Every structure is written in C-alpha cells, then in structure tokens.
C-alpha atoms as a PDB file:
ATOM      1  CA  MET A   1     -31.742  -6.224   6.202  1.00  0.00           C
ATOM      2  CA  ALA A   2     -28.647  -5.780   8.221  1.00  0.00           C
ATOM      3  CA  LYS A   3     -25.317  -6.258   6.734  1.00  0.00           C
ATOM      4  CA  GLU A   4     -22.954  -8.566   8.464  1.00  0.00           C
ATOM      5  CA  LEU A   5     -19.693  -6.593   8.632  1.00  0.00           C
ATOM      6  CA  ALA A   6     -18.236  -3.128   8.257  1.00  0.00           C
ATOM      7  CA  LEU A   7     -14.635  -2.454   8.189  1.00  0.00           C
ATOM      8  CA  ILE A   8     -13.512   1.179   8.758  1.00  0.00           C
ATOM      9  CA  GLY A   9      -9.845   1.416   7.469  1.00  0.00           C
ATOM     10  CA  CYS A  10      -8.465  -0.252   4.598  1.00  0.00           C
ATOM     11  CA  GLY A  11      -4.846  -0.094   5.507  1.00  0.00           C
ATOM     12  CA  ASN A  12      -2.467  -3.230   5.752  1.00  0.00           C
ATOM     13  CA  MET A  13      -3.972  -4.555   9.022  1.00  0.00           C
ATOM     14  CA  GLY A  14      -7.652  -3.997   8.036  1.00  0.00           C
ATOM     15  CA  THR A  15      -7.010  -5.424   4.643  1.00  0.00           C
ATOM     16  CA  ALA A  16      -5.189  -8.492   6.086  1.00  0.00           C
ATOM     17  CA  MET A  17      -8.053  -9.202   8.444  1.00  0.00           C
ATOM     18  CA  LEU A  18     -10.756  -8.928   6.039  1.00  0.00           C
ATOM     19  CA  LYS A  19      -9.128 -11.200   3.496  1.00  0.00           C
ATOM     20  CA  GLY A  20      -8.793 -13.828   6.095  1.00  0.00           C
ATOM     21  CA  ILE A  21     -12.351 -13.485   7.292  1.00  0.00           C
ATOM     22  CA  VAL A  22     -13.822 -13.445   3.743  1.00  0.00           C
ATOM     23  CA  GLY A  23     -11.515 -16.050   2.533  1.00  0.00           C
ATOM     24  CA  SER A  24     -12.505 -18.499   5.286  1.00  0.00           C
ATOM     25  CA  GLY A  25     -16.187 -18.234   4.270  1.00  0.00           C
ATOM     26  CA  LEU A  26     -17.078 -16.990   7.729  1.00  0.00           C
ATOM     27  CA  VAL A  27     -18.746 -13.874   6.131  1.00  0.00           C
ATOM     28  CA  ALA A  28     -19.784 -13.669   2.429  1.00  0.00           C
ATOM     29  CA  ALA A  29     -18.266 -10.739   0.388  1.00  0.00           C
ATOM     30  CA  GLN A  30     -21.602  -9.324  -0.463  1.00  0.00           C
ATOM     31  CA  ASP A  31     -22.377  -8.916   3.334  1.00  0.00           C
ATOM     32  CA  VAL A  32     -19.400  -6.800   3.839  1.00  0.00           C
ATOM     33  CA  THR A  33     -18.974  -3.021   3.508  1.00  0.00           C
ATOM     34  CA  VAL A  34     -15.534  -1.289   3.550  1.00  0.00           C
ATOM     35  CA  ALA A  35     -14.720   2.349   4.188  1.00  0.00           C
ATOM     36  CA  ASP A  36     -11.568   4.459   3.960  1.00  0.00           C
ATOM     37  CA  VAL A  37     -10.918   8.109   3.645  1.00  0.00           C
ATOM     38  CA  SER A  38      -8.904   7.049   0.547  1.00  0.00           C
ATOM     39  CA  GLU A  39     -11.280   6.281  -2.347  1.00  0.00           C
ATOM     40  CA  THR A  40      -8.491   4.403  -4.017  1.00  0.00           C
ATOM     41  CA  SER A  41      -7.757   2.135  -0.952  1.00  0.00           C
ATOM     42  CA  GLN A  42     -11.487   1.217  -0.378  1.00  0.00           C
ATOM     43  CA  GLN A  43     -12.102   0.771  -4.163  1.00  0.00           C
ATOM     44  CA  ARG A  44      -9.218  -1.519  -4.385  1.00  0.00           C
ATOM     45  CA  LEU A  45     -10.263  -3.691  -1.620  1.00  0.00           C
ATOM     46  CA  ALA A  46     -13.772  -3.756  -2.522  1.00  0.00           C
ATOM     47  CA  GLY A  47     -12.962  -4.605  -6.064  1.00  0.00           C
ATOM     48  CA  GLU A  48     -10.519  -7.480  -4.906  1.00  0.00           C
ATOM     49  CA  LEU A  49     -12.930  -9.095  -2.580  1.00  0.00           C
ATOM     50  CA  GLY A  50     -16.386  -8.222  -4.338  1.00  0.00           C
ATOM     51  CA  CYS A  51     -17.723  -6.385  -1.348  1.00  0.00           C
ATOM     52  CA  GLN A  52     -19.258  -2.841  -1.143  1.00  0.00           C
ATOM     53  CA  GLY A  53     -16.941   0.270  -0.755  1.00  0.00           C
ATOM     54  CA  THR A  54     -17.502   3.728   0.407  1.00  0.00           C
ATOM     55  CA  CYS A  55     -15.651   6.749   1.754  1.00  0.00           C
ATOM     56  CA  ASP A  56     -18.640   7.534   4.112  1.00  0.00           C
ATOM     57  CA  ASN A  57     -18.112   5.742   7.385  1.00  0.00           C
ATOM     58  CA  SER A  58     -21.654   6.468   8.653  1.00  0.00           C
ATOM     59  CA  GLU A  59     -22.927   4.611   5.480  1.00  0.00           C
ATOM     60  CA  ALA A  60     -20.730   1.754   6.181  1.00  0.00           C
ATOM     61  CA  VAL A  61     -21.649   1.207   9.745  1.00  0.00           C
ATOM     62  CA  ALA A  62     -25.533   1.714   9.309  1.00  0.00           C
ATOM     63  CA  GLY A  63     -27.273  -1.631   9.908  1.00  0.00           C
ATOM     64  CA  ALA A  64     -23.979  -3.508  10.429  1.00  0.00           C
ATOM     65  CA  LYS A  65     -24.048  -6.444  12.856  1.00  0.00           C
ATOM     66  CA  SER A  66     -20.326  -6.225  13.528  1.00  0.00           C
ATOM     67  CA  ILE A  67     -17.997  -3.326  12.976  1.00  0.00           C
ATOM     68  CA  ILE A  68     -14.015  -3.493  12.917  1.00  0.00           C
ATOM     69  CA  ILE A  69     -12.238  -0.063  13.363  1.00  0.00           C
ATOM     70  CA  ALA A  70      -8.915  -0.451  11.896  1.00  0.00           C
ATOM     71  CA  VAL A  71      -7.589   3.129  12.026  1.00  0.00           C
ATOM     72  CA  LYS A  72      -4.548   4.569  13.675  1.00  0.00           C
ATOM     73  CA  PRO A  73      -4.981   5.467  17.441  1.00  0.00           C
ATOM     74  CA  GLN A  74      -4.493   9.161  16.795  1.00  0.00           C
ATOM     75  CA  TYR A  75      -7.379   9.360  14.262  1.00  0.00           C
ATOM     76  CA  LEU A  76      -9.747   7.022  16.326  1.00  0.00           C
ATOM     77  CA  ASP A  77     -11.481   9.571  18.297  1.00  0.00           C
ATOM     78  CA  GLY A  78     -12.526  11.828  15.318  1.00  0.00           C
ATOM     79  CA  VAL A  79     -13.538   8.892  13.142  1.00  0.00           C
ATOM     80  CA  VAL A  80     -15.593   7.159  15.900  1.00  0.00           C
ATOM     81  CA  LYS A  81     -17.281  10.457  17.079  1.00  0.00           C
ATOM     82  CA  ALA A  82     -18.379  11.068  13.431  1.00  0.00           C
ATOM     83  CA  PHE A  83     -20.078   7.644  12.752  1.00  0.00           C
ATOM     84  CA  ALA A  84     -21.196   6.837  16.389  1.00  0.00           C
ATOM     85  CA  PRO A  85     -24.874   8.028  15.704  1.00  0.00           C
ATOM     86  CA  SER A  86     -25.171   5.664  12.850  1.00  0.00           C
ATOM     87  CA  VAL A  87     -24.285   2.601  14.828  1.00  0.00           C
ATOM     88  CA  ASP A  88     -27.108   0.117  15.755  1.00  0.00           C
ATOM     89  CA  LYS A  89     -27.447  -0.540  19.439  1.00  0.00           C
ATOM     90  CA  ASP A  90     -26.962  -4.257  19.132  1.00  0.00           C
ATOM     91  CA  ALA A  91     -23.946  -4.012  16.876  1.00  0.00           C
ATOM     92  CA  VAL A  92     -20.610  -5.392  18.143  1.00  0.00           C
ATOM     93  CA  ILE A  93     -17.780  -2.943  17.690  1.00  0.00           C
ATOM     94  CA  ILE A  94     -14.294  -4.269  17.501  1.00  0.00           C
ATOM     95  CA  SER A  95     -11.360  -1.794  17.746  1.00  0.00           C
ATOM     96  CA  ILE A  96      -7.732  -2.809  16.968  1.00  0.00           C
ATOM     97  CA  ALA A  97      -6.214   0.634  17.873  1.00  0.00           C
ATOM     98  CA  ALA A  98      -3.279   0.140  20.185  1.00  0.00           C
ATOM     99  CA  GLY A  99      -3.462   1.634  23.591  1.00  0.00           C
ATOM    100  CA  VAL A 100      -7.122   2.702  23.286  1.00  0.00           C
ATOM    101  CA  SER A 101      -8.898   1.419  26.356  1.00  0.00           C
ATOM    102  CA  LEU A 102     -12.537   0.050  26.657  1.00  0.00           C
ATOM    103  CA  GLU A 103     -13.286   2.842  28.844  1.00  0.00           C
ATOM    104  CA  ARG A 104     -12.089   5.371  26.249  1.00  0.00           C
ATOM    105  CA  LEU A 105     -14.045   3.396  23.491  1.00  0.00           C
ATOM    106  CA  GLU A 106     -17.310   3.480  25.734  1.00  0.00           C
ATOM    107  CA  GLY A 107     -16.835   7.254  26.195  1.00  0.00           C
ATOM    108  CA  LEU A 108     -16.951   7.756  22.448  1.00  0.00           C
ATOM    109  CA  LEU A 109     -19.729   5.210  21.663  1.00  0.00           C
ATOM    110  CA  GLY A 110     -21.693   4.967  24.820  1.00  0.00           C
ATOM    111  CA  ALA A 111     -21.196   2.678  27.690  1.00  0.00           C
ATOM    112  CA  ASP A 112     -24.308   0.573  26.636  1.00  0.00           C
ATOM    113  CA  HIS A 113     -22.658  -0.537  23.431  1.00  0.00           C
ATOM    114  CA  LYS A 114     -20.978  -3.921  22.788  1.00  0.00           C
ATOM    115  CA  ILE A 115     -17.250  -3.274  22.402  1.00  0.00           C
ATOM    116  CA  VAL A 116     -14.172  -5.565  22.014  1.00  0.00           C
ATOM    117  CA  ARG A 117     -10.703  -4.317  22.198  1.00  0.00           C
ATOM    118  CA  VAL A 118      -8.345  -6.390  20.111  1.00  0.00           C
ATOM    119  CA  MET A 119      -4.577  -6.525  19.645  1.00  0.00           C
ATOM    120  CA  PRO A 120      -3.549  -8.555  16.610  1.00  0.00           C
ATOM    121  CA  ASN A 121      -0.188  -8.457  15.155  1.00  0.00           C
ATOM    122  CA  LEU A 122       1.661  -8.146  11.605  1.00  0.00           C
ATOM    123  CA  ALA A 123       1.413 -11.783  11.009  1.00  0.00           C
ATOM    124  CA  ALA A 124      -2.238 -11.278  10.069  1.00  0.00           C
ATOM    125  CA  MET A 125      -0.854 -10.552   6.714  1.00  0.00           C
ATOM    126  CA  VAL A 126       0.246 -14.198   6.173  1.00  0.00           C
ATOM    127  CA  GLY A 127      -2.642 -15.651   8.100  1.00  0.00           C
ATOM    128  CA  GLU A 128      -0.707 -16.333  11.337  1.00  0.00           C
ATOM    129  CA  SER A 129      -1.574 -13.324  13.636  1.00  0.00           C
ATOM    130  CA  MET A 130      -1.832 -13.847  17.460  1.00  0.00           C
ATOM    131  CA  SER A 131      -4.782 -11.800  18.626  1.00  0.00           C
ATOM    132  CA  ALA A 132      -5.595 -10.810  22.138  1.00  0.00           C
ATOM    133  CA  LEU A 133      -9.330 -10.172  22.639  1.00  0.00           C
ATOM    134  CA  CYS A 134     -11.043  -8.115  25.535  1.00  0.00           C
ATOM    135  CA  PRO A 135     -14.813  -7.604  25.473  1.00  0.00           C
ATOM    136  CA  ASN A 136     -16.609  -5.254  27.591  1.00  0.00           C
ATOM    137  CA  GLY A 137     -19.576  -6.655  29.928  1.00  0.00           C
ATOM    138  CA  ASN A 138     -22.251  -5.984  27.286  1.00  0.00           C
ATOM    139  CA  VAL A 139     -20.911  -8.649  24.840  1.00  0.00           C
ATOM    140  CA  THR A 140     -22.856 -11.953  25.153  1.00  0.00           C
ATOM    141  CA  GLU A 141     -21.210 -15.261  25.174  1.00  0.00           C
ATOM    142  CA  ALA A 142     -22.533 -15.956  21.600  1.00  0.00           C
ATOM    143  CA  GLU A 143     -20.951 -12.687  20.388  1.00  0.00           C
ATOM    144  CA  ARG A 144     -17.784 -13.520  22.201  1.00  0.00           C
ATOM    145  CA  GLU A 145     -17.559 -16.880  20.239  1.00  0.00           C
ATOM    146  CA  ARG A 146     -18.283 -15.160  17.039  1.00  0.00           C
ATOM    147  CA  VAL A 147     -15.456 -12.645  17.537  1.00  0.00           C
ATOM    148  CA  HIS A 148     -13.152 -15.368  18.433  1.00  0.00           C
ATOM    149  CA  GLU A 149     -14.050 -17.284  15.168  1.00  0.00           C
ATOM    150  CA  LEU A 150     -13.531 -14.033  13.103  1.00  0.00           C
ATOM    151  CA  PHE A 151     -10.090 -13.505  14.394  1.00  0.00           C
ATOM    152  CA  CYS A 152      -9.200 -17.211  14.206  1.00  0.00           C
ATOM    153  CA  ALA A 153      -9.694 -16.801  10.476  1.00  0.00           C
ATOM    154  CA  PHE A 154      -6.169 -15.357  10.057  1.00  0.00           C
ATOM    155  CA  GLY A 155      -4.367 -16.903  13.025  1.00  0.00           C
ATOM    156  CA  LYS A 156      -5.101 -17.627  16.578  1.00  0.00           C
ATOM    157  CA  ALA A 157      -6.903 -15.693  19.211  1.00  0.00           C
ATOM    158  CA  GLU A 158      -7.268 -15.678  22.938  1.00  0.00           C
ATOM    159  CA  PHE A 159      -9.456 -13.802  25.508  1.00  0.00           C
ATOM    160  CA  ILE A 160      -7.458 -11.814  28.125  1.00  0.00           C
ATOM    161  CA  PRO A 161      -8.376  -9.466  30.932  1.00  0.00           C
ATOM    162  CA  GLU A 162      -7.642  -5.799  29.927  1.00  0.00           C
ATOM    163  CA  HIS A 163      -4.956  -5.073  32.540  1.00  0.00           C
ATOM    164  CA  LEU A 164      -2.852  -7.699  30.548  1.00  0.00           C
ATOM    165  CA  MET A 165      -3.002  -5.701  27.214  1.00  0.00           C
ATOM    166  CA  ASP A 166       0.375  -4.062  28.000  1.00  0.00           C
ATOM    167  CA  ALA A 167       1.858  -7.454  28.208  1.00  0.00           C
ATOM    168  CA  VAL A 168       0.136  -8.458  25.015  1.00  0.00           C
ATOM    169  CA  VAL A 169       1.693  -5.512  23.177  1.00  0.00           C
ATOM    170  CA  ALA A 170       5.186  -6.576  24.581  1.00  0.00           C
ATOM    171  CA  VAL A 171       4.921 -10.348  23.892  1.00  0.00           C
ATOM    172  CA  SER A 172       2.821 -10.372  20.573  1.00  0.00           C
ATOM    173  CA  GLY A 173       2.144  -7.098  19.059  1.00  0.00           C
ATOM    174  CA  SER A 174       5.792  -5.721  18.876  1.00  0.00           C
ATOM    175  CA  ALA A 175       7.463  -9.025  18.777  1.00  0.00           C
ATOM    176  CA  PRO A 176       7.979  -9.283  14.961  1.00  0.00           C
ATOM    177  CA  ALA A 177      10.559  -6.652  15.439  1.00  0.00           C
ATOM    178  CA  TYR A 178      12.519  -8.571  18.130  1.00  0.00           C
ATOM    179  CA  VAL A 179      12.378 -11.732  16.006  1.00  0.00           C
ATOM    180  CA  CYS A 180      13.546  -9.907  12.979  1.00  0.00           C
ATOM    181  CA  LEU A 181      16.530  -8.611  14.824  1.00  0.00           C
ATOM    182  CA  PHE A 182      17.423 -12.083  15.960  1.00  0.00           C
ATOM    183  CA  ILE A 183      16.969 -13.555  12.568  1.00  0.00           C
ATOM    184  CA  GLU A 184      19.348 -10.698  11.145  1.00  0.00           C
ATOM    185  CA  ALA A 185      21.915 -11.459  13.648  1.00  0.00           C
ATOM    186  CA  MET A 186      21.759 -15.209  12.798  1.00  0.00           C
ATOM    187  CA  ALA A 187      22.084 -14.505   9.138  1.00  0.00           C
ATOM    188  CA  ASP A 188      25.029 -12.062   9.880  1.00  0.00           C
ATOM    189  CA  ALA A 189      26.877 -14.763  11.552  1.00  0.00           C
ATOM    190  CA  ALA A 190      26.372 -17.175   8.674  1.00  0.00           C
ATOM    191  CA  VAL A 191      27.509 -14.483   6.132  1.00  0.00           C
ATOM    192  CA  ILE A 192      30.810 -14.115   8.352  1.00  0.00           C
ATOM    193  CA  GLU A 193      31.260 -17.760   7.988  1.00  0.00           C
ATOM    194  CA  GLY A 194      31.061 -17.506   4.225  1.00  0.00           C
ATOM    195  CA  MET A 195      27.379 -18.279   3.380  1.00  0.00           C
ATOM    196  CA  PRO A 196      25.758 -16.086   0.732  1.00  0.00           C
ATOM    197  CA  ARG A 197      23.197 -13.513   2.258  1.00  0.00           C
ATOM    198  CA  ALA A 198      20.090 -14.805   0.608  1.00  0.00           C
ATOM    199  CA  GLN A 199      20.726 -18.437   1.776  1.00  0.00           C
ATOM    200  CA  ALA A 200      21.728 -17.315   5.245  1.00  0.00           C
ATOM    201  CA  TYR A 201      18.227 -15.438   5.583  1.00  0.00           C
ATOM    202  CA  ALA A 202      16.399 -18.534   4.177  1.00  0.00           C
ATOM    203  CA  MET A 203      18.069 -20.829   6.675  1.00  0.00           C
ATOM    204  CA  ALA A 204      17.496 -18.597   9.753  1.00  0.00           C
ATOM    205  CA  GLU A 205      13.867 -17.851   8.785  1.00  0.00           C
ATOM    206  CA  GLN A 206      13.154 -21.474   8.449  1.00  0.00           C
ATOM    207  CA  ALA A 207      14.850 -22.255  11.668  1.00  0.00           C
ATOM    208  CA  VAL A 208      12.770 -19.845  13.587  1.00  0.00           C
ATOM    209  CA  LEU A 209       9.524 -20.924  11.840  1.00  0.00           C
ATOM    210  CA  GLY A 210      10.266 -24.739  12.315  1.00  0.00           C
ATOM    211  CA  THR A 211      11.071 -24.310  15.991  1.00  0.00           C
ATOM    212  CA  ALA A 212       7.921 -22.400  16.751  1.00  0.00           C
ATOM    213  CA  LYS A 213       5.834 -24.808  14.775  1.00  0.00           C
ATOM    214  CA  TYR A 214       7.363 -27.765  16.772  1.00  0.00           C
ATOM    215  CA  LEU A 215       6.653 -26.103  19.991  1.00  0.00           C
ATOM    216  CA  GLN A 216       3.064 -25.362  19.074  1.00  0.00           C
ATOM    217  CA  GLU A 217       2.294 -28.713  17.592  1.00  0.00           C
ATOM    218  CA  THR A 218       3.917 -30.823  20.284  1.00  0.00           C
ATOM    219  CA  GLY A 219       3.316 -28.766  23.356  1.00  0.00           C
ATOM    220  CA  THR A 220       6.912 -29.208  24.388  1.00  0.00           C
ATOM    221  CA  HIS A 221       8.369 -26.704  26.727  1.00  0.00           C
ATOM    222  CA  PRO A 222      10.980 -24.270  25.154  1.00  0.00           C
ATOM    223  CA  ALA A 223      13.366 -25.305  27.936  1.00  0.00           C
ATOM    224  CA  VAL A 224      12.943 -29.069  27.049  1.00  0.00           C
ATOM    225  CA  LEU A 225      13.463 -28.413  23.375  1.00  0.00           C
ATOM    226  CA  LYS A 226      16.672 -26.417  24.171  1.00  0.00           C
ATOM    227  CA  ASP A 227      18.061 -29.292  26.220  1.00  0.00           C
ATOM    228  CA  MET A 228      17.201 -31.951  23.617  1.00  0.00           C
ATOM    229  CA  VAL A 229      19.442 -30.171  21.034  1.00  0.00           C
ATOM    230  CA  SER A 230      22.126 -29.413  23.599  1.00  0.00           C
ATOM    231  CA  SER A 231      24.484 -32.298  23.503  1.00  0.00           C
ATOM    232  CA  PRO A 232      27.142 -32.734  26.256  1.00  0.00           C
ATOM    233  CA  ALA A 233      30.327 -30.663  25.105  1.00  0.00           C
ATOM    234  CA  GLY A 234      28.438 -30.167  21.811  1.00  0.00           C
ATOM    235  CA  THR A 235      28.131 -27.097  19.397  1.00  0.00           C
ATOM    236  CA  THR A 236      24.773 -26.039  20.623  1.00  0.00           C
ATOM    237  CA  ILE A 237      25.503 -25.736  24.285  1.00  0.00           C
ATOM    238  CA  ALA A 238      28.591 -23.688  23.218  1.00  0.00           C
ATOM    239  CA  ALA A 239      26.369 -21.265  21.477  1.00  0.00           C
ATOM    240  CA  VAL A 240      23.815 -21.232  24.312  1.00  0.00           C
ATOM    241  CA  ALA A 241      26.659 -20.474  26.893  1.00  0.00           C
ATOM    242  CA  GLU A 242      27.668 -17.316  24.773  1.00  0.00           C
ATOM    243  CA  LEU A 243      24.096 -16.168  24.741  1.00  0.00           C
ATOM    244  CA  GLU A 244      23.921 -16.484  28.323  1.00  0.00           C
ATOM    245  CA  ARG A 245      27.195 -14.715  28.838  1.00  0.00           C
ATOM    246  CA  GLY A 246      25.765 -11.930  26.740  1.00  0.00           C
ATOM    247  CA  GLY A 247      22.629 -11.480  28.911  1.00  0.00           C
ATOM    248  CA  LEU A 248      20.131 -12.499  26.041  1.00  0.00           C
ATOM    249  CA  ARG A 249      17.368 -13.405  28.618  1.00  0.00           C
ATOM    250  CA  ALA A 250      17.863 -10.242  30.610  1.00  0.00           C
ATOM    251  CA  THR A 251      17.951  -7.975  27.648  1.00  0.00           C
ATOM    252  CA  VAL A 252      14.885  -9.500  26.109  1.00  0.00           C
ATOM    253  CA  VAL A 253      13.050  -9.138  29.464  1.00  0.00           C
ATOM    254  CA  ASP A 254      14.126  -5.490  29.895  1.00  0.00           C
ATOM    255  CA  ALA A 255      13.212  -4.829  26.204  1.00  0.00           C
ATOM    256  CA  MET A 256       9.711  -6.105  26.658  1.00  0.00           C
ATOM    257  CA  LEU A 257       9.016  -4.389  29.905  1.00  0.00           C
ATOM    258  CA  ALA A 258      10.068  -1.045  28.250  1.00  0.00           C
ATOM    259  CA  CYS A 259       7.806  -1.882  25.474  1.00  0.00           C
ATOM    260  CA  ALA A 260       4.830  -2.544  27.917  1.00  0.00           C
ATOM    261  CA  GLU A 261       5.576   0.800  29.972  1.00  0.00           C
ATOM    262  CA  ARG A 262       5.746   2.887  26.710  1.00  0.00           C
ATOM    263  CA  ASN A 263       2.381   1.418  25.781  1.00  0.00           C
ATOM    264  CA  ARG A 264       0.895   2.555  29.196  1.00  0.00           C
ATOM    265  CA  GLU A 265       2.417   5.910  28.514  1.00  0.00           C
ATOM    266  CA  LEU A 266       0.690   6.309  25.104  1.00  0.00           C
ATOM    267  CA  ALA A 267      -2.488   5.201  26.402  1.00  0.00           C
END
C-alpha cells in the first residue's frame, strides 16, 4: 500500500512544514516517512511526530504519493539523481529549493513526472508562511488542489507562473530580513527615547504584526490605512515625511530588485 508522504530533508523548513501538515490532520503521521543524511535529525523528527524515519532517501520515496524535497539547492542534484529511480511515476514531487527551475527538476527526474516548484518562507516555523506554488503541466487539477491544501496547513499559498518566482523571492522569501531591519530600527529609536530594549522590541513587533493582520482581515489598501492614521499636522505625518525624505520607498524597491536579480544569477 502506497504511503501518503515522504519528506527528504529534516532541517528547519522541512520540519516546520511537516509539523504543520501532520498537525492539521491532512496526513496521518503513520503515513509519513522522513529521511535525512543525519540519523539524529530524522530520528528526532520521526520520534516527535510518530512517523517513520530513515537515512535512505530511496527507501523513503518508494511508494510515496507525494514527495517534498527540502534540501539546500547546492545538494539537490546529487540527492535527486540518487533516489529518482525509486520514485513512482504518478507521485507528485515538490521542491522548495530556491532558484531551482522546473526545467532543471524535469532534467533530474524526467519530463514525464509531476513536479511542483514551491517557495515558502521562514514564517512556516510559526504557521504563517506565504508559499508560492508553480506546478508543471503534468500535475492534475485535483493534485494542484491537494498541494495547495498541504501548504495552507502552515500559512497561506498561491499559484503563480514560474517567471514570477524571482519576484516571489524578493517580496516574500527574503522579506523576513527586511522586516527585521525595520523592527530593529523602530526599537532603536524607542531606546533612544528612553524605553527599555525588551519593551521596545515587544512594541515594535506587535505594531508590525497588528498592522499586517488588519490589512489582511479588512482588505484595506496600505495607502488608505496610512492616511487613516496620519492626522493633519500630527505626529504620524511628521514621521512619514521623514521616511519619504530618506527615500524609504525607493530604497525598498531597489533592495528587492537586487534580491530578484541575485536569485536569477544563482539559478
């Protein structure tokens, strides 16, 4: 009997995703096999979730309906070539390796395989990932829906055409770093004003979280919310004017374009 899911790679991202999937009840732990070159890593995750564990990737993928490849891009070719002969022809193979195209994956696995390229982000570790999904032409509508369901188990997910993957890396995949810089700067300013460091971080983090949640839940455009809190001759508009003078928007755009360009170079 075919197993439901195999996970190749028990690092932070693989672990976070699988915990979300199993925790949601979408896949039962006993129907999952995890594999990692580190016996300690696979045994730890298998023991925590109650699934099967192995250091043999070929054993893990054999008979699996879905396979998630969660290894670093520089190791992907060797890992995939080694287990490719053991993959069932109807299995859906999901790769989260940054910069690795569908064409490259098809070259490793065979163009007739069902392959989905995915870009999640670090927030998967707290169940709030934003994942971009890009399936090849062999994936059926029902299989697309299943992959979408799996990735919504630890956040949100959207289908995109592959040519937008560089933009996804810039706006979502690398975004935690930009947001952290902004939170650090906000906290630093509060500390200058005399606030204790821990309290400054707590306030800055909650402000960012609350603002994002408000935008998501109400559908309000960011510009509208900015105007709502910017009273005439008030404190907020004074701060906004300084950010504009400092070139915040242009700097963010330039940074994200640099990120997308670097992703193209690495690919």
